[in-house]
């Protein structure tokens, strides 16, 4: 095993091994779902190409898996914040509608008055 590692470091990856890796990556790509340029295998391949100072036609932006995960997390946080705003707006709307629902001509005895506690001495 040690000699294999040394040979790899000295000679590099054999072309037949490279072909096997690419074939495996393509097989994985066909099993994944979603837009092709956003699939995990496609992003991995794009990362390899960029790290080798290469370029892929038709793919203007290269994103690593970490950048893609950060983008998805940011979108999830933004969606959660929007949901919180919707809940706040609904709560405010309910408070406003309940405040206007009490009739102003109701007798004073039916309105609840604030309770004051006596200070302890």
N, C-alpha and C. Protein backbone atom coordinates (compact mmCIF):
# COMPACT_ATOMS: atom_id res chain seq x y z
N UNK A 1 0.84 -1.19 0.00
CA UNK A 1 0.00 0.00 0.00
C UNK A 1 0.88 1.25 0.00
N UNK A 2 1.93 1.22 0.79
CA UNK A 2 2.82 2.37 0.86
C UNK A 2 3.46 2.68 -0.48
N UNK A 3 3.88 1.64 -1.22
CA UNK A 3 4.48 1.86 -2.53
C UNK A 3 3.44 2.40 -3.52
N UNK A 4 2.20 1.96 -3.38
CA UNK A 4 1.14 2.47 -4.26
C UNK A 4 0.94 3.96 -4.04
N UNK A 5 0.94 4.37 -2.77
CA UNK A 5 0.78 5.80 -2.46
C UNK A 5 1.96 6.60 -2.99
N UNK A 6 3.15 6.08 -2.81
CA UNK A 6 4.34 6.77 -3.33
C UNK A 6 4.31 6.87 -4.86
N UNK A 7 3.88 5.79 -5.52
CA UNK A 7 3.80 5.81 -6.97
C UNK A 7 2.77 6.83 -7.44
N UNK A 8 1.64 6.91 -6.73
CA UNK A 8 0.61 7.89 -7.09
C UNK A 8 1.15 9.31 -6.94
N UNK A 9 1.87 9.56 -5.84
CA UNK A 9 2.42 10.90 -5.62
C UNK A 9 3.49 11.25 -6.66
N UNK A 10 4.24 10.28 -7.08
CA UNK A 10 5.32 10.53 -8.03
C UNK A 10 4.79 10.61 -9.46
N UNK A 11 3.98 9.66 -9.86
CA UNK A 11 3.50 9.56 -11.24
C UNK A 11 2.17 10.27 -11.47
N UNK A 12 1.34 10.34 -10.43
CA UNK A 12 0.01 10.89 -10.60
C UNK A 12 -1.00 9.77 -10.84
N UNK A 13 -2.22 10.15 -11.12
CA UNK A 13 -3.30 9.20 -11.34
C UNK A 13 -3.16 8.57 -12.72
N UNK A 14 -3.33 7.25 -12.78
CA UNK A 14 -3.29 6.59 -14.08
C UNK A 14 -4.52 6.98 -14.88
N UNK A 15 -4.37 7.01 -16.19
CA UNK A 15 -5.47 7.44 -17.05
C UNK A 15 -6.66 6.49 -16.93
N UNK A 16 -6.40 5.20 -16.80
CA UNK A 16 -7.51 4.25 -16.67
C UNK A 16 -8.28 4.50 -15.37
N UNK A 17 -7.57 4.86 -14.29
CA UNK A 17 -8.25 5.18 -13.03
C UNK A 17 -9.06 6.47 -13.18
N UNK A 18 -8.51 7.43 -13.89
CA UNK A 18 -9.22 8.68 -14.15
C UNK A 18 -10.51 8.41 -14.92
N UNK A 19 -10.44 7.55 -15.93
CA UNK A 19 -11.64 7.21 -16.71
C UNK A 19 -12.69 6.54 -15.82
N UNK A 20 -12.25 5.68 -14.91
CA UNK A 20 -13.18 5.01 -13.99
C UNK A 20 -13.87 6.03 -13.07
N UNK A 21 -13.11 6.98 -12.59
CA UNK A 21 -13.68 8.00 -11.69
C UNK A 21 -14.72 8.84 -12.44
N UNK A 22 -14.40 9.25 -13.65
CA UNK A 22 -15.33 10.06 -14.43
C UNK A 22 -16.57 9.26 -14.80
N UNK A 23 -16.41 7.99 -15.13
CA UNK A 23 -17.57 7.14 -15.45
C UNK A 23 -18.48 7.00 -14.22
N UNK A 24 -17.87 6.82 -13.05
CA UNK A 24 -18.63 6.73 -11.82
C UNK A 24 -19.37 8.04 -11.53
N UNK A 25 -18.70 9.15 -11.76
CA UNK A 25 -19.32 10.47 -11.53
C UNK A 25 -20.50 10.69 -12.48
N UNK A 26 -20.35 10.27 -13.73
CA UNK A 26 -21.45 10.41 -14.70
C UNK A 26 -22.62 9.51 -14.33
N UNK A 27 -22.34 8.30 -13.85
CA UNK A 27 -23.41 7.39 -13.42
C UNK A 27 -24.16 7.99 -12.23
N UNK A 28 -23.43 8.57 -11.32
CA UNK A 28 -24.05 9.21 -10.16
C UNK A 28 -24.89 10.40 -10.60
N UNK A 29 -24.41 11.14 -11.58
CA UNK A 29 -25.13 12.31 -12.09
C UNK A 29 -26.48 11.92 -12.68
N UNK A 30 -26.53 10.79 -13.38
CA UNK A 30 -27.80 10.37 -13.98
C UNK A 30 -28.81 9.90 -12.94
N UNK A 31 -28.34 9.47 -11.77
CA UNK A 31 -29.24 9.00 -10.72
C UNK A 31 -29.80 10.16 -9.89
N UNK A 32 -29.12 11.30 -9.89
CA UNK A 32 -29.57 12.44 -9.10
C UNK A 32 -30.70 13.17 -9.82
N UNK A 33 -31.48 13.91 -9.04
CA UNK A 33 -32.61 14.65 -9.61
C UNK A 33 -32.35 16.15 -9.49
N UNK A 34 -33.08 16.91 -10.29
CA UNK A 34 -32.95 18.36 -10.27
C UNK A 34 -32.25 18.85 -11.52
N UNK A 35 -32.10 20.18 -11.62
CA UNK A 35 -31.38 20.73 -12.76
C UNK A 35 -29.94 20.22 -12.80
N UNK A 36 -29.47 19.90 -13.97
CA UNK A 36 -28.16 19.26 -14.11
C UNK A 36 -27.05 20.10 -13.50
N UNK A 37 -27.08 21.41 -13.73
CA UNK A 37 -25.98 22.24 -13.23
C UNK A 37 -26.05 22.47 -11.72
N UNK A 38 -27.11 22.01 -11.07
CA UNK A 38 -27.21 22.17 -9.62
C UNK A 38 -27.08 20.84 -8.87
N UNK A 39 -26.88 19.76 -9.58
CA UNK A 39 -26.72 18.46 -8.93
C UNK A 39 -25.36 18.36 -8.26
N UNK A 40 -25.30 17.55 -7.23
CA UNK A 40 -24.07 17.43 -6.44
C UNK A 40 -22.89 16.95 -7.28
N UNK A 41 -23.11 15.99 -8.16
CA UNK A 41 -22.02 15.47 -9.00
C UNK A 41 -21.52 16.54 -9.97
N UNK A 42 -22.44 17.31 -10.51
CA UNK A 42 -22.06 18.37 -11.44
C UNK A 42 -21.24 19.45 -10.73
N UNK A 43 -21.66 19.80 -9.52
CA UNK A 43 -20.91 20.79 -8.75
C UNK A 43 -19.53 20.27 -8.37
N UNK A 44 -19.44 18.98 -8.06
CA UNK A 44 -18.14 18.39 -7.73
C UNK A 44 -17.21 18.44 -8.95
N UNK A 45 -17.75 18.08 -10.12
CA UNK A 45 -16.96 18.12 -11.35
C UNK A 45 -16.50 19.56 -11.64
N UNK A 46 -17.42 20.51 -11.48
CA UNK A 46 -17.07 21.92 -11.73
C UNK A 46 -15.97 22.38 -10.77
N UNK A 47 -16.04 21.92 -9.52
CA UNK A 47 -15.00 22.27 -8.55
C UNK A 47 -13.65 21.72 -8.99
N UNK A 48 -13.64 20.46 -9.46
CA UNK A 48 -12.39 19.86 -9.94
C UNK A 48 -11.82 20.66 -11.10
N UNK A 49 -12.67 21.05 -12.03
CA UNK A 49 -12.22 21.79 -13.22
C UNK A 49 -11.64 23.13 -12.80
N UNK A 50 -12.32 23.83 -11.91
CA UNK A 50 -11.85 25.15 -11.46
C UNK A 50 -10.52 25.02 -10.72
N UNK A 51 -10.40 24.01 -9.87
CA UNK A 51 -9.14 23.82 -9.14
C UNK A 51 -7.98 23.48 -10.07
N UNK A 52 -8.28 22.93 -11.23
CA UNK A 52 -7.24 22.63 -12.22
C UNK A 52 -7.04 23.79 -13.18
N UNK A 53 -7.63 24.96 -12.84
CA UNK A 53 -7.55 26.16 -13.68
C UNK A 53 -8.18 25.95 -15.05
N UNK A 54 -9.22 25.15 -15.08
CA UNK A 54 -9.95 24.91 -16.32
C UNK A 54 -11.24 25.71 -16.36
N UNK A 55 -12.04 25.45 -17.37
CA UNK A 55 -13.27 26.18 -17.56
C UNK A 55 -14.27 25.27 -18.26
N UNK A 56 -15.56 25.43 -17.91
CA UNK A 56 -16.62 24.62 -18.51
C UNK A 56 -17.49 25.55 -19.34
N UNK A 57 -17.68 25.19 -20.61
CA UNK A 57 -18.55 26.00 -21.47
C UNK A 57 -19.98 25.97 -20.97
N UNK A 58 -20.63 27.13 -21.01
CA UNK A 58 -22.03 27.20 -20.61
C UNK A 58 -22.25 27.27 -19.12
N UNK A 59 -21.19 27.30 -18.35
CA UNK A 59 -21.31 27.40 -16.90
C UNK A 59 -20.52 28.62 -16.44
N UNK A 60 -21.16 29.80 -16.45
CA UNK A 60 -20.41 31.02 -16.15
C UNK A 60 -19.95 31.11 -14.70
N UNK A 61 -20.73 30.56 -13.77
CA UNK A 61 -20.34 30.64 -12.36
C UNK A 61 -20.04 29.26 -11.84
N UNK A 62 -18.92 29.16 -11.18
CA UNK A 62 -18.53 27.90 -10.57
C UNK A 62 -18.78 28.02 -9.08
N UNK A 63 -19.54 27.09 -8.54
CA UNK A 63 -19.84 27.12 -7.11
C UNK A 63 -19.36 25.81 -6.49
N UNK A 64 -18.71 25.95 -5.37
CA UNK A 64 -18.32 24.75 -4.64
C UNK A 64 -19.52 24.25 -3.86
N UNK A 65 -19.42 23.08 -3.35
CA UNK A 65 -20.52 22.51 -2.56
C UNK A 65 -20.80 23.37 -1.32
N UNK A 66 -19.74 23.92 -0.73
CA UNK A 66 -19.91 24.75 0.46
C UNK A 66 -20.64 26.04 0.11
N UNK A 67 -20.29 26.65 -1.02
CA UNK A 67 -20.98 27.88 -1.44
C UNK A 67 -22.45 27.61 -1.73
N UNK A 68 -22.74 26.47 -2.33
CA UNK A 68 -24.12 26.11 -2.63
C UNK A 68 -24.90 25.88 -1.34
N UNK A 69 -24.28 25.22 -0.36
CA UNK A 69 -24.94 24.99 0.92
C UNK A 69 -25.18 26.31 1.65
N UNK A 70 -24.21 27.21 1.59
CA UNK A 70 -24.38 28.53 2.22
C UNK A 70 -25.50 29.31 1.55
N UNK A 71 -25.62 29.21 0.23
CA UNK A 71 -26.68 29.91 -0.49
C UNK A 71 -28.04 29.37 -0.08
N UNK A 72 -28.15 28.04 0.03
CA UNK A 72 -29.42 27.43 0.43
C UNK A 72 -29.78 27.82 1.85
N UNK A 73 -28.79 27.86 2.74
CA UNK A 73 -29.06 28.24 4.13
C UNK A 73 -29.51 29.69 4.21
N UNK A 74 -28.88 30.55 3.44
CA UNK A 74 -29.28 31.96 3.43
C UNK A 74 -30.72 32.11 2.93
N UNK A 75 -31.08 31.36 1.91
CA UNK A 75 -32.45 31.41 1.39
C UNK A 75 -33.44 30.89 2.43
N UNK A 76 -33.06 29.86 3.17
CA UNK A 76 -33.94 29.32 4.21
C UNK A 76 -34.13 30.33 5.33
N UNK A 77 -33.03 31.02 5.73
CA UNK A 77 -33.16 32.05 6.76
C UNK A 77 -34.05 33.18 6.30
N UNK A 78 -33.92 33.57 5.04
CA UNK A 78 -34.73 34.66 4.49
C UNK A 78 -36.21 34.25 4.48
N UNK A 79 -36.49 33.01 4.11
CA UNK A 79 -37.86 32.52 4.09
C UNK A 79 -38.43 32.46 5.51
N UNK A 80 -37.64 32.04 6.48
CA UNK A 80 -38.10 31.98 7.87
C UNK A 80 -38.40 33.39 8.40
N UNK A 81 -37.56 34.36 8.03
CA UNK A 81 -37.80 35.74 8.46
C UNK A 81 -39.10 36.27 7.84
N UNK A 82 -39.35 35.93 6.60
CA UNK A 82 -40.59 36.35 5.94
C UNK A 82 -41.79 35.72 6.62
N UNK A 83 -41.68 34.46 7.02
CA UNK A 83 -42.78 33.79 7.72
C UNK A 83 -43.04 34.46 9.07
N UNK A 84 -41.97 34.85 9.79
CA UNK A 84 -42.15 35.54 11.07
C UNK A 84 -42.85 36.88 10.86
N UNK A 85 -42.51 37.58 9.79
CA UNK A 85 -43.17 38.86 9.50
C UNK A 85 -44.65 38.65 9.21
N UNK A 86 -44.98 37.59 8.51
CA UNK A 86 -46.39 37.30 8.21
C UNK A 86 -47.15 37.03 9.50
N UNK A 87 -46.54 36.25 10.41
CA UNK A 87 -47.19 35.94 11.68
C UNK A 87 -47.39 37.22 12.48
N UNK A 88 -46.37 38.09 12.52
CA UNK A 88 -46.50 39.36 13.25
C UNK A 88 -47.61 40.22 12.66
N UNK A 89 -47.68 40.29 11.35
CA UNK A 89 -48.71 41.10 10.70
C UNK A 89 -50.10 40.55 11.01
N UNK A 90 -50.26 39.24 11.00
CA UNK A 90 -51.56 38.64 11.32
C UNK A 90 -51.94 38.91 12.77
N UNK A 91 -50.97 38.80 13.68
CA UNK A 91 -51.22 39.06 15.09
C UNK A 91 -51.63 40.52 15.29
N UNK A 92 -50.95 41.44 14.64
CA UNK A 92 -51.29 42.86 14.74
C UNK A 92 -52.68 43.11 14.19
N UNK A 93 -52.99 42.46 13.09
CA UNK A 93 -54.31 42.61 12.49
C UNK A 93 -55.40 42.10 13.43
N UNK A 94 -55.14 40.98 14.10
CA UNK A 94 -56.10 40.44 15.06
C UNK A 94 -56.29 41.40 16.23
N UNK A 95 -55.18 41.96 16.72
CA UNK A 95 -55.29 42.91 17.83
C UNK A 95 -56.08 44.14 17.42
N UNK A 96 -55.85 44.64 16.23
CA UNK A 96 -56.57 45.82 15.76
C UNK A 96 -58.04 45.51 15.57
N UNK A 97 -58.36 44.33 15.05
CA UNK A 97 -59.76 43.99 14.83
C UNK A 97 -60.47 43.75 16.15
N UNK A 98 -59.79 43.19 17.16
CA UNK A 98 -60.42 42.99 18.46
C UNK A 98 -60.60 44.31 19.19
N UNK A 99 -59.71 45.27 18.96
CA UNK A 99 -59.85 46.59 19.59
C UNK A 99 -61.02 47.35 18.99
N UNK A 100 -61.26 47.19 17.72
CA UNK A 100 -62.38 47.89 17.08
C UNK A 100 -63.68 47.15 17.25
N UNK A 101 -63.65 45.91 17.67
CA UNK A 101 -64.86 45.11 17.84
C UNK A 101 -65.61 45.49 19.11
N UNK A 102 -64.94 46.02 20.15
CA UNK A 102 -65.64 46.41 21.37
C UNK A 102 -66.40 47.70 21.11
N UNK A 103 -67.68 47.72 21.40
CA UNK A 103 -68.47 48.93 21.14
C UNK A 103 -68.09 50.04 22.10
N UNK A 104 -68.06 51.24 21.60
CA UNK A 104 -67.67 52.39 22.41
C UNK A 104 -68.82 52.89 23.27
N UNK A 105 -70.04 52.53 22.94
CA UNK A 105 -71.18 52.99 23.72
C UNK A 105 -71.59 52.01 24.80
N UNK A 106 -70.77 51.01 25.11
CA UNK A 106 -71.06 50.05 26.17
C UNK A 106 -70.93 50.73 27.51
N UNK A 107 -71.70 50.29 28.51
CA UNK A 107 -71.61 50.92 29.83
C UNK A 107 -70.22 50.75 30.43
N UNK A 108 -69.83 51.68 31.27
CA UNK A 108 -68.48 51.69 31.84
C UNK A 108 -68.26 50.50 32.76
N UNK A 109 -69.31 49.95 33.34
CA UNK A 109 -69.14 48.84 34.27
C UNK A 109 -68.72 47.55 33.55
N UNK A 110 -69.07 47.43 32.28
CA UNK A 110 -68.72 46.21 31.57
C UNK A 110 -67.28 46.22 31.07
N UNK A 111 -66.69 47.39 31.00
CA UNK A 111 -65.29 47.46 30.57
C UNK A 111 -64.39 47.04 31.72
N UNK A 112 -63.36 46.32 31.42
CA UNK A 112 -62.45 45.90 32.47
C UNK A 112 -61.48 47.03 32.77
N UNK A 113 -61.35 47.31 34.03
CA UNK A 113 -60.45 48.36 34.47
C UNK A 113 -59.16 47.72 34.97
N UNK A 114 -58.08 48.42 34.85
CA UNK A 114 -56.83 47.86 35.36
C UNK A 114 -56.88 47.73 36.88
N UNK A 115 -56.33 46.67 37.39
CA UNK A 115 -56.31 46.42 38.82
C UNK A 115 -55.03 46.98 39.37
N UNK A 116 -55.18 47.80 40.41
CA UNK A 116 -54.00 48.37 41.05
C UNK A 116 -53.76 47.66 42.37
N UNK A 117 -52.56 47.30 42.55
CA UNK A 117 -52.23 46.67 43.84
C UNK A 117 -51.74 47.73 44.81
N UNK A 118 -52.03 47.51 46.05
CA UNK A 118 -51.61 48.48 47.07
C UNK A 118 -50.16 48.22 47.41
N UNK A 119 -49.39 49.27 47.59
CA UNK A 119 -47.99 49.05 47.98
C UNK A 119 -47.88 48.46 49.38
N UNK A 120 -46.97 47.55 49.53
CA UNK A 120 -46.76 46.92 50.84
C UNK A 120 -45.97 47.85 51.74
N UNK A 121 -46.34 47.87 52.98
CA UNK A 121 -45.62 48.71 53.94
C UNK A 121 -44.98 47.90 55.01
